[in-house]
Amino acid sequence: MTDAQKTAEDTTLRTSEDSPPEARTAPVPLLEPREGIPPVVATEEALAEVVAAFAGGTGPVAVDAERASGYRYGQRAYLVQLRREGAGSALIDPVGCPDLSVLGEAIGDAEWVLHAATQDLPCLRDIGMIPDRLFDTELAGRLAGFARVGLGAMVENVLGYALEKGHSAVDWSTRPLPEPWLRYAALDVELLVDLRDALEEELRRQGKLEWAHQEFAAIAAAPPAPPRKDPWRRTSGMHKVRRRRQMAVVRELWTARDQVAQRRDISPGKVLGDAAIVEAALNLPPNAHALAALPGFGHRMGRRQLEQWQAAVDRARALPESELPQPGQPLNGPPPPRSWADKDPAAAARLTAARTAVSALAERLNLPQENLITPDTVRRLCWEPPADPAPDAVAAALAARGARPWQVEQVAPVLAEALRTPTA
């Protein structure tokens, strides 16, 4: 039994922070990995040694990845951390070892333990690491009813240790990586399996372990997310842009910025801010001089850059009406709920009753509403309910929309009742 496991065994798990401060035990700072900071693996020879060690290890494998969000283009991994009983910890540089499929295969039959798995799985998939089964400690914390589910908060509340979290937003593409960053990275997987074990026991105690298994299986089986349609529409501040010509400016500037960012391997926000794009769209500057007067296109921007952005504005200004973007994306599903009262008052009443029922059930089960059932699923069910909203019909509709069996079992009865209420 590790020290962390003993601490978890001796500590009553707190899923909320209602206990008085004087009743809380001060967490023990975790300052160094058990075996020290492992060397960074950046060669095929060193990788082969890690593969052999982890293939010979036992039990679950703690896995984490660090990206350079906000610094580099895309979401690639710049460091991968692993830990397994019998193998210790490893830090792998995906720049020096861009294909980790052999490592993924070596631990393919093991359960992978990740925190907020959906954030790391895309970049891990890109380097050949795809788990068959996993345990997500963040999602487990949500299902168990913890108020805070960040890794640091979970390790503190469950295991009684304090992780140093000062390097979470650094530029992980930096080479060589500073020693304090490597220490932080190694500590992120140091207690992940211990946390997994404690959370598994807590979920079993609450009768939610099977729920968690179903959620984890769904994450592992989910295909890669398709590319977003019209990603330029997600520009921050887009709600201010009303006219189609202005939307065309946003689209042209967003596309030009993305091309520059990809070519320079830099975060798009560091090339040109969203706020500047929106300002250009609202003002439709006729020339580079007028563009330079707008916020975000100040004196620090060179003439060549200004001309580049003005060219994008000019392309939008020159488009024929037939090629201008439409005001909104085609709806795939019900309209925004704020319009339901006018479009379909009965549907609006159903939605109110359903939301109230789901909220009350989530409170009784001590978990977030969005983990009990997605708001989108509730909206779609209320907009187009079964002709006879009996529990079996509601259950079938929920399953058809991707709800897991445990969600269907819990939610179908209360939603069926909500859809049949007189107010609905």
Protein backbone atom coordinates (compact mmCIF):
# COMPACT_ATOMS: atom_id res chain seq x y z
CA MET A 1 0.00 0.00 0.00
CA THR A 2 1.41 3.40 -0.97
CA ASP A 3 1.41 6.39 1.36
CA ALA A 4 -1.32 7.97 -0.75
CA GLN A 5 -3.49 4.87 -0.53
CA LYS A 6 -3.10 4.81 3.25
CA THR A 7 -4.03 8.49 3.41
CA ALA A 8 -7.14 7.82 1.31
CA GLU A 9 -8.04 4.88 3.53
CA ASP A 10 -7.73 7.00 6.65
CA THR A 11 -9.64 9.97 5.24
CA THR A 12 -13.39 10.33 4.89
CA LEU A 13 -14.03 11.45 1.33
CA ARG A 14 -15.57 14.91 1.10
CA THR A 15 -17.76 15.35 -1.95
CA SER A 16 -18.66 18.90 -0.94
CA GLU A 17 -16.84 21.66 0.89
CA ASP A 18 -19.46 22.19 3.58
CA SER A 19 -17.26 21.02 6.44
CA PRO A 20 -15.93 23.84 8.64
CA PRO A 21 -12.31 24.91 8.03
CA GLU A 22 -11.23 23.78 11.50
CA ALA A 23 -12.42 20.24 10.71
CA ARG A 24 -10.25 19.93 7.61
CA THR A 25 -6.82 18.36 7.75
CA ALA A 26 -4.13 20.41 6.04
CA PRO A 27 -2.97 18.65 2.86
CA VAL A 28 0.57 17.31 2.68
CA PRO A 29 2.60 19.08 -0.04
CA LEU A 30 3.80 16.65 -2.70
CA LEU A 31 7.13 18.08 -3.79
CA GLU A 32 9.02 15.29 -5.56
CA PRO A 33 8.15 12.14 -7.53
CA ARG A 34 8.88 8.92 -5.62
CA GLU A 35 11.81 7.94 -7.83
CA GLY A 36 12.82 11.49 -8.72
CA ILE A 37 12.25 13.23 -12.06
CA PRO A 38 12.62 10.67 -14.86
CA PRO A 39 14.76 11.59 -17.88
CA VAL A 40 12.92 12.86 -20.94
CA VAL A 41 12.69 10.15 -23.59
CA ALA A 42 13.43 11.61 -27.02
CA THR A 43 15.14 8.80 -28.96
CA GLU A 44 13.94 5.49 -30.40
CA GLU A 45 16.44 3.60 -28.24
CA ALA A 46 15.21 5.18 -25.01
CA LEU A 47 11.61 4.67 -26.12
CA ALA A 48 12.23 0.96 -26.62
CA GLU A 49 13.37 0.70 -23.00
CA VAL A 50 10.22 2.44 -21.79
CA VAL A 51 8.04 0.18 -23.93
CA ALA A 52 9.67 -2.91 -22.43
CA ALA A 53 9.32 -1.58 -18.89
CA PHE A 54 5.64 -0.69 -19.25
CA ALA A 55 4.81 -3.92 -21.04
CA GLY A 56 6.26 -5.73 -18.03
CA GLY A 57 4.40 -3.60 -15.49
CA THR A 58 1.16 -4.52 -13.77
CA GLY A 59 -2.20 -2.89 -13.19
CA PRO A 60 -3.63 0.35 -14.61
CA VAL A 61 -1.48 2.90 -16.44
CA ALA A 62 -1.68 6.57 -15.50
CA VAL A 63 -1.52 8.70 -18.65
CA ASP A 64 -1.36 12.46 -19.15
CA ALA A 65 -0.36 14.81 -21.96
CA GLU A 66 0.75 18.43 -22.08
CA ARG A 67 -0.13 20.70 -25.02
CA ALA A 68 0.90 24.24 -25.93
CA SER A 69 -2.58 25.74 -26.13
CA GLY A 70 -2.43 29.47 -26.65
CA TYR A 71 1.13 29.25 -27.99
CA ARG A 72 1.14 26.85 -30.95
CA TYR A 73 -1.26 26.06 -33.76
CA GLY A 74 -3.45 23.05 -33.09
CA GLN A 75 -3.62 20.78 -30.08
CA ARG A 76 -0.70 18.40 -30.52
CA ALA A 77 1.01 16.82 -27.53
CA TYR A 78 4.43 18.15 -26.52
CA LEU A 79 4.95 15.85 -23.53
CA VAL A 80 3.39 12.52 -22.55
CA GLN A 81 3.60 11.28 -18.96
CA LEU A 82 2.94 7.70 -17.84
CA ARG A 83 3.19 5.70 -14.64
CA ARG A 84 2.59 2.02 -13.91
CA GLU A 85 3.30 -0.33 -11.04
CA GLY A 86 6.57 -2.12 -11.74
CA ALA A 87 7.62 0.37 -14.41
CA GLY A 88 7.75 3.67 -12.53
CA SER A 89 7.16 6.97 -14.34
CA ALA A 90 8.18 8.04 -17.83
CA LEU A 91 8.28 11.40 -19.60
CA ILE A 92 8.23 11.13 -23.40
CA ASP A 93 8.89 13.89 -25.90
CA PRO A 94 6.53 13.41 -28.90
CA VAL A 95 8.67 15.82 -30.93
CA GLY A 96 11.61 13.41 -30.78
CA CYS A 97 9.34 10.33 -30.78
CA PRO A 98 6.33 11.32 -32.93
CA ASP A 99 4.97 7.77 -33.28
CA LEU A 100 4.09 6.15 -29.95
CA SER A 101 1.90 3.40 -31.41
CA VAL A 102 4.34 0.73 -30.19
CA LEU A 103 3.91 2.05 -26.65
CA GLY A 104 0.15 2.18 -27.09
CA GLU A 105 0.17 -1.46 -28.15
CA ALA A 106 2.39 -2.45 -25.23
CA ILE A 107 -0.16 -1.16 -22.73
CA GLY A 108 -3.20 -1.79 -24.90
CA ASP A 109 -4.65 -4.49 -22.64
CA ALA A 110 -4.37 -2.30 -19.52
CA GLU A 111 -6.86 0.20 -18.17
CA TRP A 112 -5.65 3.74 -18.83
CA VAL A 113 -6.25 6.27 -16.06
CA LEU A 114 -6.67 9.85 -17.27
CA HIS A 115 -8.04 13.04 -15.75
CA ALA A 116 -10.51 14.76 -18.12
CA ALA A 117 -9.90 12.11 -20.77
CA THR A 118 -11.72 13.87 -23.59
CA GLN A 119 -9.17 16.70 -23.47
CA ASP A 120 -6.14 14.43 -23.92
CA LEU A 121 -7.46 11.61 -26.11
CA PRO A 122 -7.39 13.58 -29.41
CA CYS A 123 -3.71 14.50 -29.11
CA LEU A 124 -2.84 11.01 -27.87
CA ARG A 125 -4.67 9.49 -30.82
CA ASP A 126 -2.59 11.63 -33.18
CA ILE A 127 0.61 9.98 -31.91
CA GLY A 128 -0.77 6.44 -32.02
CA MET A 129 -1.99 5.98 -28.44
CA ILE A 130 -5.60 4.76 -28.29
CA PRO A 131 -6.96 3.03 -25.16
CA ASP A 132 -9.34 0.09 -25.27
CA ARG A 133 -10.65 0.91 -21.80
CA LEU A 134 -10.11 3.79 -19.43
CA PHE A 135 -10.95 5.34 -16.08
CA ASP A 136 -11.54 9.10 -16.05
CA THR A 137 -10.89 10.49 -12.58
CA GLU A 138 -12.50 13.85 -13.37
CA LEU A 139 -15.72 12.23 -14.60
CA ALA A 140 -15.64 9.84 -11.65
CA GLY A 141 -15.47 12.85 -9.35
CA ARG A 142 -18.47 14.41 -11.06
CA LEU A 143 -20.52 11.23 -10.72
CA ALA A 144 -19.50 10.93 -7.08
CA GLY A 145 -20.75 14.45 -6.41
CA PHE A 146 -17.50 16.32 -5.74
CA ALA A 147 -17.89 20.10 -5.84
CA ARG A 148 -14.45 20.65 -7.42
CA VAL A 149 -13.08 18.10 -9.88
CA GLY A 150 -9.77 19.60 -11.01
CA LEU A 151 -6.86 17.23 -10.48
CA GLY A 152 -5.34 19.32 -7.69
CA ALA A 153 -8.63 19.61 -5.81
CA MET A 154 -9.38 15.90 -6.22
CA VAL A 155 -5.95 14.79 -5.01
CA GLU A 156 -6.28 17.12 -2.02
CA ASN A 157 -9.82 16.13 -1.05
CA VAL A 158 -9.49 12.41 -1.71
CA LEU A 159 -5.85 11.62 -0.92
CA GLY A 160 -4.83 14.48 1.33
CA TYR A 161 -1.94 15.70 -0.82
CA ALA A 162 -1.34 19.14 -2.36
CA LEU A 163 -0.04 19.23 -5.93
CA GLU A 164 1.90 22.22 -7.21
CA LYS A 165 -0.14 23.54 -10.17
CA GLY A 166 1.85 26.59 -11.21
CA HIS A 167 2.92 25.32 -14.63
CA SER A 168 -0.38 24.22 -16.14
CA ALA A 169 -0.51 27.02 -18.74
CA VAL A 170 3.14 27.25 -19.80
CA ASP A 171 4.44 26.79 -23.35
CA TRP A 172 5.14 23.06 -23.42
CA SER A 173 6.74 23.35 -26.87
CA THR A 174 9.75 24.98 -25.15
CA ARG A 175 12.97 22.98 -25.55
CA PRO A 176 14.69 22.02 -23.40
CA LEU A 177 11.89 21.81 -20.85
CA PRO A 178 12.90 23.40 -17.51
CA GLU A 179 13.32 21.04 -14.57
CA PRO A 180 10.46 22.58 -12.52
CA TRP A 181 8.09 21.92 -15.41
CA LEU A 182 9.25 18.31 -15.67
CA ARG A 183 8.75 17.85 -11.93
CA TYR A 184 5.23 19.22 -12.25
CA ALA A 185 4.52 16.89 -15.20
CA ALA A 186 5.79 13.82 -13.38
CA LEU A 187 3.74 14.65 -10.28
CA ASP A 188 0.59 14.83 -12.41
CA VAL A 189 0.69 11.04 -12.86
CA GLU A 190 2.30 10.22 -9.51
CA LEU A 191 -0.98 9.68 -7.66
CA LEU A 192 -3.41 9.16 -10.54
CA VAL A 193 -3.80 5.41 -9.97
CA ASP A 194 -4.18 5.97 -6.21
CA LEU A 195 -6.90 8.51 -6.96
CA ARG A 196 -8.56 6.05 -9.32
CA ASP A 197 -8.65 3.34 -6.64
CA ALA A 198 -10.15 5.64 -4.03
CA LEU A 199 -12.78 6.97 -6.43
CA GLU A 200 -13.71 3.46 -7.54
CA GLU A 201 -14.39 2.55 -3.92
CA GLU A 202 -16.43 5.72 -3.40
CA LEU A 203 -18.50 5.07 -6.53
CA ARG A 204 -19.09 1.50 -5.40
CA ARG A 205 -20.23 2.78 -2.01
CA GLN A 206 -22.69 5.14 -3.68
CA GLY A 207 -23.97 2.48 -6.07
CA LYS A 208 -22.67 4.41 -9.09
CA LEU A 209 -19.72 2.28 -10.22
CA GLU A 210 -21.64 0.69 -13.10
CA TRP A 211 -22.72 4.16 -14.20
CA ALA A 212 -19.08 5.18 -14.36
CA HIS A 213 -18.11 2.07 -16.31
CA GLN A 214 -20.76 2.86 -18.91
CA GLU A 215 -19.52 6.44 -19.23
CA PHE A 216 -15.89 5.36 -19.56
CA ALA A 217 -16.78 2.78 -22.22
CA ALA A 218 -18.65 5.44 -24.20
CA ILE A 219 -15.62 7.76 -24.12
CA ALA A 220 -13.25 5.00 -25.23
CA ALA A 221 -15.55 3.95 -28.08
CA ALA A 222 -16.34 7.46 -29.34
CA PRO A 223 -14.96 8.22 -32.83
CA PRO A 224 -12.85 11.33 -33.44
CA ALA A 225 -14.92 14.49 -33.55
CA PRO A 226 -15.65 15.65 -37.12
CA PRO A 227 -14.28 19.04 -38.21
CA ARG A 228 -16.51 21.91 -37.21
CA LYS A 229 -18.63 23.39 -39.99
CA ASP A 230 -17.99 27.11 -40.46
CA PRO A 231 -15.60 27.42 -37.48
CA TRP A 232 -15.33 31.16 -38.13
CA ARG A 233 -18.83 31.53 -36.69
CA ARG A 234 -17.35 30.76 -33.26
CA THR A 235 -15.31 33.97 -33.29
CA SER A 236 -15.68 35.63 -29.88
CA GLY A 237 -17.99 38.64 -30.16
CA MET A 238 -19.76 37.25 -33.23
CA HIS A 239 -23.13 38.13 -31.70
CA LYS A 240 -22.43 41.79 -32.53
CA VAL A 241 -22.15 41.03 -36.25
CA ARG A 242 -25.60 41.27 -37.83
CA ARG A 243 -25.19 41.96 -41.56
CA ARG A 244 -24.19 39.38 -44.12
CA ARG A 245 -21.43 41.60 -45.56
CA GLN A 246 -19.97 41.98 -42.11
CA MET A 247 -20.14 38.19 -41.63
CA ALA A 248 -18.18 37.82 -44.85
CA VAL A 249 -15.45 40.04 -43.39
CA VAL A 250 -15.25 37.82 -40.31
CA ARG A 251 -15.03 34.74 -42.52
CA GLU A 252 -12.28 36.18 -44.74
CA LEU A 253 -10.21 37.52 -41.86
CA TRP A 254 -10.64 34.31 -39.84
CA THR A 255 -9.51 32.21 -42.83
CA ALA A 256 -6.53 34.44 -43.56
CA ARG A 257 -5.50 34.39 -39.91
CA ASP A 258 -5.80 30.61 -39.74
CA GLN A 259 -3.56 30.20 -42.77
CA VAL A 260 -0.91 32.47 -41.24
CA ALA A 261 -1.14 30.71 -37.88
CA GLN A 262 -0.81 27.28 -39.43
CA ARG A 263 2.15 28.33 -41.56
CA ARG A 264 3.94 29.88 -38.58
CA ASP A 265 2.81 27.20 -36.10
CA ILE A 266 1.49 29.78 -33.70
CA SER A 267 -1.82 30.18 -31.89
CA PRO A 268 -4.29 32.13 -34.08
CA GLY A 269 -5.00 34.48 -31.19
CA LYS A 270 -1.37 35.59 -31.24
CA VAL A 271 -1.63 36.43 -34.95
CA LEU A 272 -4.79 38.53 -34.72
CA GLY A 273 -7.31 38.77 -31.89
CA ASP A 274 -10.98 37.93 -32.26
CA ALA A 275 -11.88 41.42 -31.05
CA ALA A 276 -9.89 42.97 -33.92
CA ILE A 277 -11.68 40.75 -36.46
CA VAL A 278 -15.07 41.83 -35.13
CA GLU A 279 -14.06 45.51 -35.16
CA ALA A 280 -13.03 45.26 -38.81
CA ALA A 281 -16.30 43.54 -39.66
CA LEU A 282 -18.42 46.19 -37.94
CA ASN A 283 -16.54 49.12 -39.51
CA LEU A 284 -15.80 47.75 -43.02
CA PRO A 285 -12.66 49.93 -43.42
CA PRO A 286 -12.12 51.08 -47.04
CA ASN A 287 -8.31 51.06 -46.83
CA ALA A 288 -5.33 50.07 -44.68
CA HIS A 289 -5.12 53.56 -43.16
CA ALA A 290 -8.68 53.27 -41.86
CA LEU A 291 -7.98 49.73 -40.69
CA ALA A 292 -4.95 50.88 -38.69
CA ALA A 293 -7.19 53.23 -36.71
CA LEU A 294 -9.28 50.33 -35.37
CA PRO A 295 -8.56 48.59 -32.03
CA GLY A 296 -6.31 45.59 -32.56
CA PHE A 297 -4.62 47.05 -35.66
CA GLY A 298 -2.46 49.63 -33.90
CA HIS A 299 0.93 51.17 -34.59
CA ARG A 300 2.79 47.98 -33.64
CA MET A 301 1.42 46.24 -36.72
CA GLY A 302 3.62 46.54 -39.79
CA ARG A 303 2.45 47.85 -43.15
CA ARG A 304 2.68 44.43 -44.78
CA GLN A 305 0.46 42.93 -42.10
CA LEU A 306 -2.08 45.73 -42.43
CA GLU A 307 -2.20 45.23 -46.19
CA GLN A 308 -2.68 41.50 -45.68
CA TRP A 309 -5.71 42.05 -43.42
CA GLN A 310 -7.09 44.82 -45.61
CA ALA A 311 -6.91 42.47 -48.60
CA ALA A 312 -9.15 40.05 -46.70
CA VAL A 313 -11.60 42.87 -45.95
CA ASP A 314 -11.55 43.90 -49.61
CA ARG A 315 -12.34 40.36 -50.72
CA ALA A 316 -15.41 40.37 -48.50
CA ARG A 317 -16.46 43.81 -49.75
CA ALA A 318 -16.23 42.62 -53.36
CA LEU A 319 -18.32 39.46 -52.97
CA PRO A 320 -21.65 39.33 -54.84
CA GLU A 321 -24.75 39.05 -52.68
CA SER A 322 -25.21 35.40 -53.67
CA GLU A 323 -21.87 34.45 -52.07
CA LEU A 324 -22.38 36.18 -48.74
CA PRO A 325 -22.85 33.87 -45.73
CA GLN A 326 -26.32 33.36 -44.35
CA PRO A 327 -27.17 34.92 -40.96
CA GLY A 328 -27.18 31.60 -39.11
CA GLN A 329 -26.27 27.98 -39.52
CA PRO A 330 -29.07 25.61 -40.53
CA LEU A 331 -30.64 24.25 -37.37
CA ASN A 332 -30.11 20.57 -36.71
CA GLY A 333 -32.76 20.16 -34.08
CA PRO A 334 -35.15 22.40 -32.16
CA PRO A 335 -34.94 26.20 -32.20
CA PRO A 336 -33.42 28.12 -29.27
CA PRO A 337 -35.58 27.62 -26.15
CA ARG A 338 -36.14 31.37 -25.78
CA SER A 339 -38.38 31.25 -28.87
CA TRP A 340 -40.44 28.24 -27.79
CA ALA A 341 -43.13 30.21 -25.98
CA ASP A 342 -44.05 31.93 -29.26
CA LYS A 343 -43.50 29.01 -31.63
CA ASP A 344 -44.98 26.19 -29.52
CA PRO A 345 -46.29 27.08 -26.04
CA ALA A 346 -47.01 23.41 -25.25
CA ALA A 347 -43.38 22.49 -25.99
CA ALA A 348 -42.20 25.37 -23.81
CA ALA A 349 -44.33 24.04 -20.95
CA ARG A 350 -42.95 20.54 -21.47
CA LEU A 351 -39.40 21.88 -21.34
CA THR A 352 -40.04 23.78 -18.10
CA ALA A 353 -41.51 20.69 -16.45
CA ALA A 354 -38.72 18.45 -17.74
CA ARG A 355 -35.95 20.78 -16.59
CA THR A 356 -37.50 20.99 -13.13
CA ALA A 357 -37.77 17.20 -12.91
CA VAL A 358 -34.19 16.60 -14.09
CA SER A 359 -32.83 19.24 -11.70
CA ALA A 360 -34.60 17.65 -8.73
CA LEU A 361 -33.41 14.17 -9.70
CA ALA A 362 -29.81 15.32 -10.15
CA GLU A 363 -29.92 16.91 -6.70
CA ARG A 364 -31.21 13.68 -5.15
CA LEU A 365 -28.49 11.66 -6.91
CA ASN A 366 -25.81 14.23 -6.00
CA LEU A 367 -24.37 14.75 -9.46
CA PRO A 368 -24.40 17.52 -12.10
CA GLN A 369 -27.48 17.73 -14.32
CA GLU A 370 -25.39 17.60 -17.50
CA ASN A 371 -23.91 14.27 -16.42
CA LEU A 372 -27.32 12.86 -15.60
CA ILE A 373 -28.61 13.70 -19.08
CA THR A 374 -27.42 16.25 -21.62
CA PRO A 375 -29.53 19.42 -21.93
CA ASP A 376 -29.64 18.93 -25.71
CA THR A 377 -31.25 15.50 -25.28
CA VAL A 378 -33.91 16.98 -23.00
CA ARG A 379 -34.64 19.80 -25.46
CA ARG A 380 -35.00 17.43 -28.41
CA LEU A 381 -37.29 15.12 -26.45
CA CYS A 382 -39.52 18.01 -25.35
CA TRP A 383 -39.69 19.52 -28.85
CA GLU A 384 -40.64 16.19 -30.46
CA PRO A 385 -41.97 13.90 -27.72
CA PRO A 386 -43.31 10.39 -28.38
CA ALA A 387 -46.99 10.31 -29.33
CA ASP A 388 -47.63 8.40 -26.11
CA PRO A 389 -45.02 9.60 -23.57
CA ALA A 390 -45.12 6.41 -21.53
CA PRO A 391 -41.87 5.46 -19.72
CA ASP A 392 -41.02 2.76 -22.28
CA ALA A 393 -41.46 5.15 -25.21
CA VAL A 394 -39.43 7.86 -23.47
CA ALA A 395 -36.73 5.31 -22.65
CA ALA A 396 -36.54 4.26 -26.30
CA ALA A 397 -36.31 7.91 -27.41
CA LEU A 398 -33.49 8.60 -24.94
CA ALA A 399 -31.55 5.51 -26.02
CA ALA A 400 -31.93 6.50 -29.67
CA ARG A 401 -30.33 9.84 -28.83
CA GLY A 402 -27.29 8.20 -27.26
CA ALA A 403 -28.19 8.13 -23.57
CA ARG A 404 -26.43 5.36 -21.65
CA PRO A 405 -28.52 2.59 -20.04
CA TRP A 406 -28.00 3.97 -16.52
CA GLN A 407 -29.17 7.41 -17.67
CA VAL A 408 -32.25 5.93 -19.33
CA GLU A 409 -33.09 3.95 -16.20
CA GLN A 410 -32.86 7.02 -13.96
CA VAL A 411 -34.30 9.71 -16.22
CA ALA A 412 -37.02 8.04 -18.31
CA PRO A 413 -39.61 7.76 -15.48
CA VAL A 414 -39.31 11.39 -14.36
CA LEU A 415 -39.29 12.72 -17.93
CA ALA A 416 -42.32 10.62 -18.82
CA GLU A 417 -44.15 12.10 -15.86
CA ALA A 418 -43.05 15.62 -16.80
CA LEU A 419 -44.30 15.19 -20.37
CA ARG A 420 -47.71 14.12 -19.08
CA THR A 421 -48.22 16.89 -16.52
CA PRO A 422 -51.31 19.11 -17.00
CA THR A 423 -49.10 22.17 -17.53
CA ALA A 424 -47.47 20.37 -20.43
